[in-house]
N, C-alpha and C. Protein backbone atom coordinates (compact mmCIF):
# COMPACT_ATOMS: atom_id res chain seq x y z
N UNK A 1 -126.97 88.44 -151.76
CA UNK A 1 -128.28 88.25 -151.00
C UNK A 1 -128.75 89.71 -151.33
N UNK A 2 -130.35 89.35 -151.51
CA UNK A 2 -131.38 90.59 -151.75
C UNK A 2 -131.35 91.39 -150.42
N UNK A 3 -131.51 92.81 -150.74
CA UNK A 3 -131.66 93.63 -149.13
C UNK A 3 -133.10 93.37 -148.44
N UNK A 4 -132.92 93.51 -147.44
CA UNK A 4 -134.16 92.89 -146.45
C UNK A 4 -134.81 94.09 -145.66
N UNK A 5 -135.91 94.24 -145.77
CA UNK A 5 -136.61 95.18 -144.83
C UNK A 5 -137.28 94.36 -143.69
N UNK A 6 -137.11 94.76 -142.28
CA UNK A 6 -137.48 94.26 -141.34
C UNK A 6 -138.60 94.80 -140.38
N UNK A 7 -139.91 93.85 -140.51
CA UNK A 7 -140.69 94.52 -139.60
C UNK A 7 -141.67 93.97 -138.36
N UNK A 8 -141.51 94.84 -137.58
CA UNK A 8 -141.47 94.40 -136.07
C UNK A 8 -143.23 93.97 -135.98
N UNK A 9 -143.61 93.18 -135.38
CA UNK A 9 -145.02 92.51 -135.22
C UNK A 9 -145.23 92.50 -133.41
N UNK A 10 -146.42 92.92 -132.89
CA UNK A 10 -146.55 93.10 -131.78
C UNK A 10 -147.79 92.66 -131.14
N UNK A 11 -148.78 92.78 -132.31
CA UNK A 11 -150.46 92.56 -131.66
C UNK A 11 -150.57 91.47 -133.00
N UNK A 12 -151.52 91.87 -133.84
CA UNK A 12 -152.30 91.16 -135.16
C UNK A 12 -151.11 90.77 -136.06
N UNK A 13 -150.20 91.13 -136.07
CA UNK A 13 -149.23 90.92 -137.58
C UNK A 13 -148.47 89.53 -136.84
N UNK A 14 -148.66 89.31 -135.42
CA UNK A 14 -147.91 88.53 -134.87
C UNK A 14 -148.68 86.96 -135.76
N UNK A 15 -150.14 86.90 -135.32
CA UNK A 15 -150.98 85.50 -136.07
C UNK A 15 -151.64 85.69 -137.13
N UNK A 16 -151.47 87.00 -137.53
CA UNK A 16 -152.17 87.61 -139.17
C UNK A 16 -151.26 88.18 -139.89
N UNK A 17 -150.02 87.86 -140.34
CA UNK A 17 -149.10 88.90 -140.93
C UNK A 17 -149.79 89.43 -142.58
N UNK A 18 -150.55 88.26 -142.63
CA UNK A 18 -151.08 88.49 -144.15
C UNK A 18 -150.30 88.91 -145.27
N UNK A 19 -149.08 88.26 -145.37
CA UNK A 19 -147.65 88.97 -146.36
C UNK A 19 -146.59 87.61 -146.54
N UNK A 20 -146.06 87.29 -147.22
CA UNK A 20 -144.88 87.12 -147.45
C UNK A 20 -143.91 87.13 -146.97
N UNK A 21 -143.25 86.23 -146.41
CA UNK A 21 -141.82 87.08 -145.62
C UNK A 21 -140.95 86.03 -146.08
N UNK A 22 -139.29 85.86 -145.91
CA UNK A 22 -138.52 85.24 -145.55
C UNK A 22 -138.36 84.43 -144.66
N UNK A 23 -138.11 85.03 -143.45
CA UNK A 23 -137.98 84.45 -142.17
C UNK A 23 -138.83 85.20 -141.26
N UNK A 24 -138.94 84.36 -139.97
CA UNK A 24 -139.60 85.12 -138.88
C UNK A 24 -138.50 84.74 -137.79
N UNK A 25 -138.38 85.73 -137.03
CA UNK A 25 -137.64 85.32 -135.72
C UNK A 25 -138.08 86.47 -134.70
N UNK A 26 -138.04 85.73 -133.29
CA UNK A 26 -138.24 86.40 -132.16
C UNK A 26 -137.74 87.59 -131.77
N UNK A 27 -138.33 88.46 -131.37
CA UNK A 27 -137.32 90.39 -131.37
C UNK A 27 -138.05 90.42 -130.25
N UNK A 28 -137.30 91.40 -129.85
CA UNK A 28 -138.34 92.26 -128.49
C UNK A 28 -137.55 93.88 -128.62
N UNK A 29 -138.88 95.32 -127.98
CA UNK A 29 -138.37 96.08 -127.97
C UNK A 29 -138.31 96.69 -126.80
N UNK A 30 -137.27 96.93 -126.29
CA UNK A 30 -137.14 97.50 -125.05
C UNK A 30 -137.90 98.83 -124.88
N UNK A 31 -138.32 99.62 -123.86
CA UNK A 31 -138.70 100.64 -122.92
C UNK A 31 -140.05 100.79 -123.84
N UNK A 32 -140.94 99.97 -124.28
CA UNK A 32 -142.34 99.88 -124.53
C UNK A 32 -143.25 98.82 -124.07
N UNK A 33 -144.66 99.03 -123.65
CA UNK A 33 -145.13 98.01 -123.30
C UNK A 33 -146.78 98.07 -123.89
N UNK A 34 -147.29 97.02 -124.23
CA UNK A 34 -148.34 96.96 -124.97
C UNK A 34 -149.61 97.81 -124.23
N UNK A 35 -150.79 98.03 -124.86
CA UNK A 35 -151.14 98.91 -124.13
C UNK A 35 -152.51 98.77 -124.89
N UNK A 36 -153.99 98.25 -124.57
CA UNK A 36 -155.06 98.06 -124.78
C UNK A 36 -155.82 99.57 -125.31
N UNK A 37 -155.30 101.02 -125.53
CA UNK A 37 -155.86 102.16 -125.49
C UNK A 37 -156.43 102.69 -127.10
N UNK A 38 -155.95 101.45 -128.17
CA UNK A 38 -156.39 102.03 -129.05
C UNK A 38 -157.72 101.59 -129.79
N UNK A 39 -158.77 102.00 -130.03
CA UNK A 39 -159.89 101.71 -130.57
C UNK A 39 -159.81 101.19 -131.88
N UNK A 40 -160.92 100.28 -132.38
CA UNK A 40 -160.83 99.55 -133.44
C UNK A 40 -162.06 99.35 -134.02
N UNK A 41 -162.04 100.43 -134.92
CA UNK A 41 -163.32 100.94 -135.51
C UNK A 41 -163.67 99.85 -136.82
N UNK A 42 -162.81 99.20 -137.71
CA UNK A 42 -162.91 98.65 -138.22
C UNK A 42 -161.94 97.32 -138.83
N UNK A 43 -161.27 96.66 -137.22
CA UNK A 43 -161.05 95.33 -137.65
C UNK A 43 -162.05 94.69 -136.36
N UNK A 44 -161.99 94.97 -135.03
CA UNK A 44 -161.92 94.43 -134.04
C UNK A 44 -163.39 95.02 -133.17
N UNK A 45 -163.91 95.79 -134.53
CA UNK A 45 -165.23 96.79 -134.00
C UNK A 45 -165.87 97.35 -135.08
N UNK A 46 -166.79 98.23 -134.48
CA UNK A 46 -167.20 99.11 -135.92
C UNK A 46 -167.47 100.43 -134.89
N UNK A 47 -167.91 101.38 -136.27
CA UNK A 47 -167.51 102.60 -135.62
C UNK A 47 -168.66 102.98 -134.78
N UNK A 48 -170.15 102.29 -134.62
CA UNK A 48 -170.87 102.65 -133.45
C UNK A 48 -170.31 102.07 -131.99
N UNK A 49 -169.42 100.65 -132.30
CA UNK A 49 -168.91 100.26 -131.35
C UNK A 49 -167.38 99.59 -131.39
N UNK A 50 -166.50 100.50 -130.91
CA UNK A 50 -165.10 99.94 -131.30
C UNK A 50 -164.66 98.90 -130.75
N UNK A 51 -163.66 97.89 -131.17
CA UNK A 51 -163.11 96.75 -130.22
C UNK A 51 -162.10 97.82 -129.47
N UNK A 52 -161.03 96.59 -128.66
CA UNK A 52 -159.84 97.57 -128.45
C UNK A 52 -158.67 96.76 -129.27
N UNK A 53 -157.83 97.05 -129.49
CA UNK A 53 -156.48 96.34 -129.69
C UNK A 53 -155.22 97.06 -129.40
N UNK A 54 -153.94 96.39 -129.22
CA UNK A 54 -152.79 97.26 -128.88
C UNK A 54 -152.10 98.40 -129.88
N UNK A 55 -151.66 98.92 -129.09
CA UNK A 55 -150.74 99.64 -129.73
C UNK A 55 -149.22 99.71 -128.54
N UNK A 56 -148.31 100.47 -128.36
CA UNK A 56 -147.21 100.27 -127.92
C UNK A 56 -146.89 101.76 -127.15
N UNK A 57 -146.86 101.85 -125.61
CA UNK A 57 -146.44 103.02 -125.44
C UNK A 57 -145.12 102.85 -124.32
N UNK A 58 -144.56 103.96 -124.28
CA UNK A 58 -143.04 103.96 -123.90
C UNK A 58 -143.49 103.97 -122.14
N UNK A 59 -142.79 103.16 -121.60
CA UNK A 59 -142.73 102.56 -120.22
C UNK A 59 -141.05 101.92 -120.09
N UNK A 60 -140.68 102.79 -119.40
CA UNK A 60 -139.08 103.03 -119.19
C UNK A 60 -138.65 101.29 -118.72
N UNK A 61 -139.40 100.21 -117.90
CA UNK A 61 -138.87 99.28 -117.55
C UNK A 61 -139.44 98.41 -118.10
N UNK A 62 -140.31 98.54 -119.42
CA UNK A 62 -140.66 97.67 -120.12
C UNK A 62 -139.91 96.82 -121.29
N UNK A 63 -140.27 95.41 -121.33
CA UNK A 63 -139.80 94.90 -122.72
C UNK A 63 -140.79 94.26 -123.32
N UNK A 64 -141.44 94.96 -124.52
CA UNK A 64 -142.25 94.39 -125.42
C UNK A 64 -141.38 93.24 -126.55
N UNK A 65 -141.56 91.59 -126.09
CA UNK A 65 -141.65 90.79 -127.09
C UNK A 65 -142.61 90.38 -128.29
N UNK A 66 -141.32 90.08 -129.56
CA UNK A 66 -142.72 89.89 -130.88
C UNK A 66 -141.96 89.33 -131.45
N UNK A 67 -142.18 89.41 -132.86
CA UNK A 67 -141.33 89.22 -133.92
C UNK A 67 -141.01 89.93 -134.95
N UNK A 68 -139.85 89.69 -135.78
CA UNK A 68 -139.53 90.21 -136.89
C UNK A 68 -139.79 89.72 -138.18
N UNK A 69 -139.97 90.06 -139.14
CA UNK A 69 -140.61 89.33 -140.08
C UNK A 69 -139.24 90.27 -141.16
N UNK A 70 -138.95 89.36 -141.99
CA UNK A 70 -137.91 90.18 -142.68
C UNK A 70 -138.66 89.62 -144.39
N UNK A 71 -138.79 90.54 -144.95
CA UNK A 71 -139.32 90.81 -146.31
C UNK A 71 -138.08 91.14 -147.43
N UNK A 72 -138.02 90.67 -148.52
CA UNK A 72 -137.32 91.15 -149.94
C UNK A 72 -137.67 92.58 -150.16
N UNK A 73 -136.55 93.14 -150.28
CA UNK A 73 -136.88 95.03 -150.95
C UNK A 73 -136.81 94.87 -152.18
N UNK A 74 -137.48 95.86 -153.08
CA UNK A 74 -138.15 96.80 -152.62
C UNK A 74 -139.69 96.12 -151.88
N UNK A 75 -140.18 96.78 -150.87
CA UNK A 75 -141.49 96.48 -150.26
C UNK A 75 -142.26 97.61 -150.17
N UNK A 76 -141.92 98.42 -151.13
CA UNK A 76 -142.78 100.14 -150.86
C UNK A 76 -144.50 99.64 -150.89
N UNK A 77 -144.65 98.36 -151.78
CA UNK A 77 -145.90 98.55 -152.32
C UNK A 77 -146.63 97.51 -150.28
N UNK A 78 -146.06 96.39 -150.21
CA UNK A 78 -146.05 96.20 -149.01
C UNK A 78 -146.36 97.04 -147.80
N UNK A 79 -145.30 97.96 -147.76
CA UNK A 79 -145.64 99.14 -146.59
C UNK A 79 -147.17 99.76 -146.88
N UNK A 80 -147.09 100.13 -148.27
CA UNK A 80 -148.37 100.75 -148.57
C UNK A 80 -149.70 100.15 -148.00
N UNK A 81 -149.80 98.81 -147.90
CA UNK A 81 -150.74 97.85 -147.80
C UNK A 81 -150.88 97.45 -145.93
N UNK A 82 -150.06 98.19 -146.09
CA UNK A 82 -149.73 97.94 -144.22
C UNK A 82 -150.11 99.02 -143.85
N UNK A 83 -150.00 100.28 -144.39
CA UNK A 83 -150.53 101.62 -143.84
C UNK A 83 -151.71 101.50 -143.80
N UNK A 84 -152.55 101.17 -144.89
CA UNK A 84 -153.54 100.90 -144.88
C UNK A 84 -154.81 100.20 -143.95
N UNK A 85 -153.81 99.39 -143.59
CA UNK A 85 -154.16 97.91 -142.78
C UNK A 85 -154.31 98.78 -141.09
N UNK A 86 -153.19 99.53 -140.89
CA UNK A 86 -152.99 100.04 -139.77
C UNK A 86 -153.36 101.36 -139.87
N UNK A 87 -154.37 102.08 -140.03
CA UNK A 87 -154.85 103.12 -140.72
C UNK A 87 -155.18 104.00 -139.57
N UNK A 88 -156.06 103.22 -138.57
CA UNK A 88 -156.95 103.89 -137.65
C UNK A 88 -155.95 104.06 -136.31
N UNK A 89 -155.40 105.46 -136.61
CA UNK A 89 -154.92 105.96 -135.83
C UNK A 89 -153.42 105.80 -135.67
N UNK A 90 -152.51 104.56 -136.36
CA UNK A 90 -151.34 104.12 -136.28
C UNK A 90 -150.47 104.75 -137.22
N UNK A 91 -149.53 104.93 -136.98
CA UNK A 91 -148.30 105.99 -137.79
C UNK A 91 -146.83 104.62 -138.15
N UNK A 92 -146.64 104.57 -138.98
CA UNK A 92 -145.57 103.98 -139.56
C UNK A 92 -144.31 104.31 -139.09
N UNK A 93 -143.43 103.72 -138.10
CA UNK A 93 -142.24 104.58 -137.69
C UNK A 93 -140.74 103.32 -137.62
N UNK A 94 -139.92 103.75 -137.34
CA UNK A 94 -139.11 103.06 -137.40
C UNK A 94 -138.15 102.58 -135.73
N UNK A 95 -138.27 101.25 -135.05
CA UNK A 95 -137.39 101.18 -134.19
C UNK A 95 -135.95 100.22 -134.09
N UNK A 96 -135.66 100.74 -133.08
CA UNK A 96 -134.43 99.46 -132.95
C UNK A 96 -134.87 98.54 -132.01
N UNK A 97 -134.73 97.05 -132.67
CA UNK A 97 -135.37 95.75 -131.79
C UNK A 97 -134.06 95.01 -131.55
N UNK A 98 -134.15 94.42 -130.53
CA UNK A 98 -133.28 92.85 -130.22
C UNK A 98 -133.59 91.86 -130.96
N UNK A 99 -132.78 91.08 -131.78
CA UNK A 99 -132.64 90.04 -132.27
C UNK A 99 -131.62 89.43 -131.99
N UNK A 100 -131.21 88.69 -130.78
CA UNK A 100 -129.89 88.49 -130.28
C UNK A 100 -128.81 87.74 -131.32
N UNK A 101 -127.72 88.21 -131.43
CA UNK A 101 -126.89 89.40 -130.55
C UNK A 101 -127.09 90.63 -130.82
N UNK A 102 -127.78 91.00 -132.21
CA UNK A 102 -127.99 92.00 -132.47
C UNK A 102 -129.10 93.20 -132.41
N UNK A 103 -128.76 94.26 -132.54
CA UNK A 103 -129.66 95.34 -132.34
C UNK A 103 -130.25 95.51 -133.80
N UNK A 104 -130.93 95.65 -134.53
CA UNK A 104 -131.89 95.89 -135.95
C UNK A 104 -132.60 96.93 -135.77
N UNK A 105 -132.73 97.69 -137.24
CA UNK A 105 -133.68 98.35 -137.48
C UNK A 105 -134.83 98.20 -138.21
N UNK A 106 -136.21 98.19 -137.72
CA UNK A 106 -137.39 97.63 -138.34
C UNK A 106 -138.49 98.70 -137.92
N UNK A 107 -139.23 98.55 -139.01
CA UNK A 107 -140.56 99.09 -139.26
C UNK A 107 -141.66 98.58 -138.40
N UNK A 108 -142.62 99.10 -137.66
CA UNK A 108 -143.47 99.33 -136.86
C UNK A 108 -144.99 100.01 -136.70
N UNK A 109 -145.92 99.75 -136.58
CA UNK A 109 -146.83 100.90 -136.51
C UNK A 109 -147.46 101.19 -134.98
N UNK A 110 -147.13 102.34 -134.81
CA UNK A 110 -147.65 102.57 -133.35
C UNK A 110 -148.66 103.73 -133.42
N UNK A 111 -149.43 103.34 -132.33
CA UNK A 111 -150.66 104.79 -131.99
C UNK A 111 -150.37 105.51 -131.06
N UNK A 112 -149.60 106.90 -131.59
CA UNK A 112 -149.26 108.12 -130.47
C UNK A 112 -150.47 108.48 -129.44
N UNK A 113 -150.45 108.68 -128.47
CA UNK A 113 -151.21 109.25 -127.62
C UNK A 113 -152.14 110.32 -128.31
N UNK A 114 -153.00 110.72 -127.87
CA UNK A 114 -153.97 111.90 -128.57
C UNK A 114 -154.58 111.56 -129.79
N UNK A 115 -153.91 110.52 -130.54
CA UNK A 115 -154.54 110.40 -131.95
C UNK A 115 -156.09 110.04 -132.05
N UNK A 116 -156.52 110.10 -133.15
CA UNK A 116 -158.15 110.22 -133.28
C UNK A 116 -158.81 108.85 -132.62
N UNK A 117 -158.31 108.23 -132.71
CA UNK A 117 -158.83 106.46 -131.83
C UNK A 117 -158.07 105.98 -130.91
N UNK A 118 -157.74 107.13 -130.45
CA UNK A 118 -156.94 106.79 -128.44
C UNK A 118 -158.17 106.76 -127.83
N UNK A 119 -158.48 105.58 -127.18
CA UNK A 119 -159.37 105.38 -126.18
C UNK A 119 -159.21 105.46 -124.61
N UNK A 120 -158.00 105.71 -124.75
CA UNK A 120 -157.38 105.85 -123.05
C UNK A 120 -157.53 104.43 -122.29
N UNK A 121 -157.11 104.57 -121.36
CA UNK A 121 -157.33 103.55 -120.55
C UNK A 121 -158.35 102.72 -119.74
N UNK A 122 -158.42 101.51 -119.50
CA UNK A 122 -159.80 101.11 -119.04
C UNK A 122 -158.84 100.20 -117.65
N UNK A 123 -159.58 99.72 -116.90
CA UNK A 123 -159.30 99.03 -115.78
C UNK A 123 -159.39 97.50 -116.38
N UNK A 124 -158.59 96.60 -116.17
CA UNK A 124 -158.75 95.20 -116.93
C UNK A 124 -160.31 94.66 -116.84
N UNK A 125 -160.79 94.95 -115.72
CA UNK A 125 -162.32 94.10 -115.71
C UNK A 125 -163.00 94.95 -116.77
N UNK A 126 -163.08 96.44 -116.73
CA UNK A 126 -163.85 97.09 -117.60
C UNK A 126 -163.41 96.49 -119.16
N UNK A 127 -161.98 96.39 -119.05
CA UNK A 127 -161.56 96.33 -120.72
C UNK A 127 -161.89 94.88 -121.26
N UNK A 128 -161.95 94.04 -120.18
CA UNK A 128 -162.57 92.69 -120.61
C UNK A 128 -163.77 92.74 -121.09
N UNK A 129 -165.02 93.21 -120.27
CA UNK A 129 -166.06 93.39 -120.44
C UNK A 129 -166.61 94.29 -121.87
N UNK A 130 -165.52 94.87 -122.01
CA UNK A 130 -165.47 95.82 -123.65
C UNK A 130 -165.55 95.07 -124.64
N UNK A 131 -164.23 93.95 -124.35
CA UNK A 131 -163.69 93.61 -125.65
C UNK A 131 -164.67 92.40 -125.53
N UNK A 132 -165.57 91.83 -124.59
CA UNK A 132 -166.50 90.71 -124.94
C UNK A 132 -167.42 91.06 -125.87
N UNK A 133 -167.81 92.49 -125.59
CA UNK A 133 -168.85 92.66 -126.65
C UNK A 133 -168.83 93.35 -128.09
N UNK A 134 -167.44 93.29 -128.28
CA UNK A 134 -167.20 93.99 -129.53
C UNK A 134 -166.90 92.55 -130.67
N UNK A 135 -167.29 93.05 -131.61
CA UNK A 135 -167.02 92.65 -133.13
C UNK A 135 -166.92 93.02 -134.55
N UNK A 136 -166.33 92.68 -135.15
CA UNK A 136 -165.75 93.83 -136.40
C UNK A 136 -165.58 92.71 -137.85
N UNK A 137 -165.16 93.67 -138.56
CA UNK A 137 -165.10 92.82 -139.84
C UNK A 137 -163.88 91.57 -139.95
N UNK A 138 -162.91 91.97 -138.51
CA UNK A 138 -162.01 91.09 -138.60
C UNK A 138 -162.31 90.14 -137.77
N UNK A 139 -163.44 89.99 -137.16
CA UNK A 139 -163.62 88.96 -135.98
C UNK A 139 -164.39 89.44 -134.64
N UNK A 140 -164.24 88.95 -133.82
CA UNK A 140 -164.83 89.03 -132.56
C UNK A 140 -163.31 89.80 -131.77
N UNK A 141 -163.44 90.41 -130.93
CA UNK A 141 -162.42 91.05 -130.16
C UNK A 141 -161.79 90.16 -129.20
N UNK A 142 -162.43 89.63 -128.59
CA UNK A 142 -161.86 88.56 -127.53
C UNK A 142 -160.85 87.94 -128.13
N UNK A 143 -161.75 87.23 -129.19
CA UNK A 143 -160.43 86.20 -130.48
C UNK A 143 -158.90 87.05 -130.21
N UNK A 144 -159.05 88.12 -130.82
CA UNK A 144 -157.63 88.68 -131.17
C UNK A 144 -156.96 88.89 -129.83
N UNK A 145 -157.80 89.02 -128.53
CA UNK A 145 -156.86 88.42 -127.65
C UNK A 145 -156.11 87.06 -127.17
N UNK A 146 -156.86 86.10 -127.50
CA UNK A 146 -156.68 84.83 -127.23
C UNK A 146 -155.44 84.41 -128.24
N UNK A 147 -156.04 84.96 -129.60
CA UNK A 147 -154.85 84.98 -130.52
C UNK A 147 -153.90 85.35 -130.29
N UNK A 148 -153.64 86.67 -129.65
CA UNK A 148 -152.29 87.53 -129.17
C UNK A 148 -151.71 86.54 -128.16
N UNK A 149 -152.57 86.10 -127.11
CA UNK A 149 -151.82 85.25 -126.04
C UNK A 149 -151.18 83.99 -126.74
N UNK A 150 -151.88 83.57 -127.61
CA UNK A 150 -151.61 82.00 -128.52
C UNK A 150 -149.89 82.31 -129.34
N UNK A 151 -150.27 83.39 -129.49
CA UNK A 151 -148.96 83.85 -130.73
C UNK A 151 -147.71 84.02 -129.71
N UNK A 152 -147.74 84.84 -128.75
CA UNK A 152 -146.63 85.05 -127.68
C UNK A 152 -146.01 83.67 -127.46
N UNK A 153 -147.04 83.02 -127.06
CA UNK A 153 -146.55 81.54 -126.28
C UNK A 153 -145.98 80.40 -127.51
N UNK A 154 -146.29 80.97 -128.74
CA UNK A 154 -145.43 80.18 -129.72
C UNK A 154 -143.95 80.92 -129.52
N UNK A 155 -143.92 81.75 -129.15
CA UNK A 155 -142.29 82.55 -128.92
C UNK A 155 -141.77 82.58 -127.88
N UNK A 156 -142.62 81.85 -126.90
CA UNK A 156 -142.01 81.48 -125.47
C UNK A 156 -142.17 82.68 -124.38
N UNK A 157 -143.30 83.36 -124.71
CA UNK A 157 -143.14 84.69 -124.38
C UNK A 157 -144.77 84.83 -123.60
N UNK A 158 -144.83 85.91 -122.94
CA UNK A 158 -146.08 86.27 -122.19
C UNK A 158 -146.42 87.81 -121.98
N UNK A 159 -147.52 88.38 -121.91
CA UNK A 159 -147.19 89.64 -121.64
C UNK A 159 -148.45 89.88 -120.33
N UNK A 160 -147.95 90.20 -119.19
CA UNK A 160 -148.94 90.58 -118.39
C UNK A 160 -150.32 90.60 -118.13
N UNK A 161 -150.53 91.81 -119.12
CA UNK A 161 -151.73 92.69 -119.75
C UNK A 161 -152.56 91.59 -120.29
N UNK A 162 -152.20 91.13 -121.65
CA UNK A 162 -152.29 90.02 -122.25
C UNK A 162 -152.85 89.15 -121.26
N UNK A 163 -152.56 88.46 -120.30
CA UNK A 163 -152.50 87.06 -119.69
C UNK A 163 -153.68 87.17 -118.80
N UNK A 164 -153.62 88.63 -118.47
CA UNK A 164 -154.62 89.12 -117.23
C UNK A 164 -155.85 89.12 -118.05
N UNK A 165 -156.00 89.78 -119.45
CA UNK A 165 -157.01 89.42 -119.99
C UNK A 165 -157.77 88.31 -120.38
N UNK A 166 -156.81 87.87 -120.58
CA UNK A 166 -157.56 86.14 -120.93
C UNK A 166 -158.44 85.69 -119.91
N UNK A 167 -157.59 85.70 -118.87
CA UNK A 167 -157.90 85.14 -117.99
C UNK A 167 -159.70 85.64 -117.39
N UNK A 168 -159.29 87.18 -117.84
CA UNK A 168 -161.00 87.79 -117.61
C UNK A 168 -162.06 87.04 -118.19
N UNK A 169 -161.42 87.16 -119.63
CA UNK A 169 -162.28 86.94 -120.87
C UNK A 169 -162.77 85.47 -120.14
N UNK A 170 -161.99 84.67 -120.12
CA UNK A 170 -162.35 83.05 -120.25
C UNK A 170 -163.64 82.50 -118.61
N UNK A 171 -163.52 83.50 -117.56
CA UNK A 171 -164.27 83.46 -116.35
C UNK A 171 -165.46 83.90 -116.51
């Protein structure tokens, strides 16, 4: 069997990976929670009106459910493409994710606090209002949230923040 690279998806990679993979499995990352604190000037918004997308923030009691995509090595060209896709404040990092019964090393992209596109926290009501108004080259920002909710449902998972935002966006 050829060596494989594991890529952990928790945001748009869940519903739009944009690359070929040999296998996709549910995975979880303990100690992190989704946060819509990342501005999106290039996908779900514009430089003048950045949308909001998720990053992961450390949270001791949280577990982020997502998926791991396995791709055949060497995957350097793919990693460079994903670095470009996730360029607005994200950094490529290695994380240990749970793919029961094992813990495996995977690569993902996180936007650290204080990065150039860190937009800070908003209340769910203010966040929904902002998302409702934002559109970019990858589409409407509210569609991002709805697609994320659907992708999580396909994995048999929910995220309280995503669910609350969807409820507010639908009202």
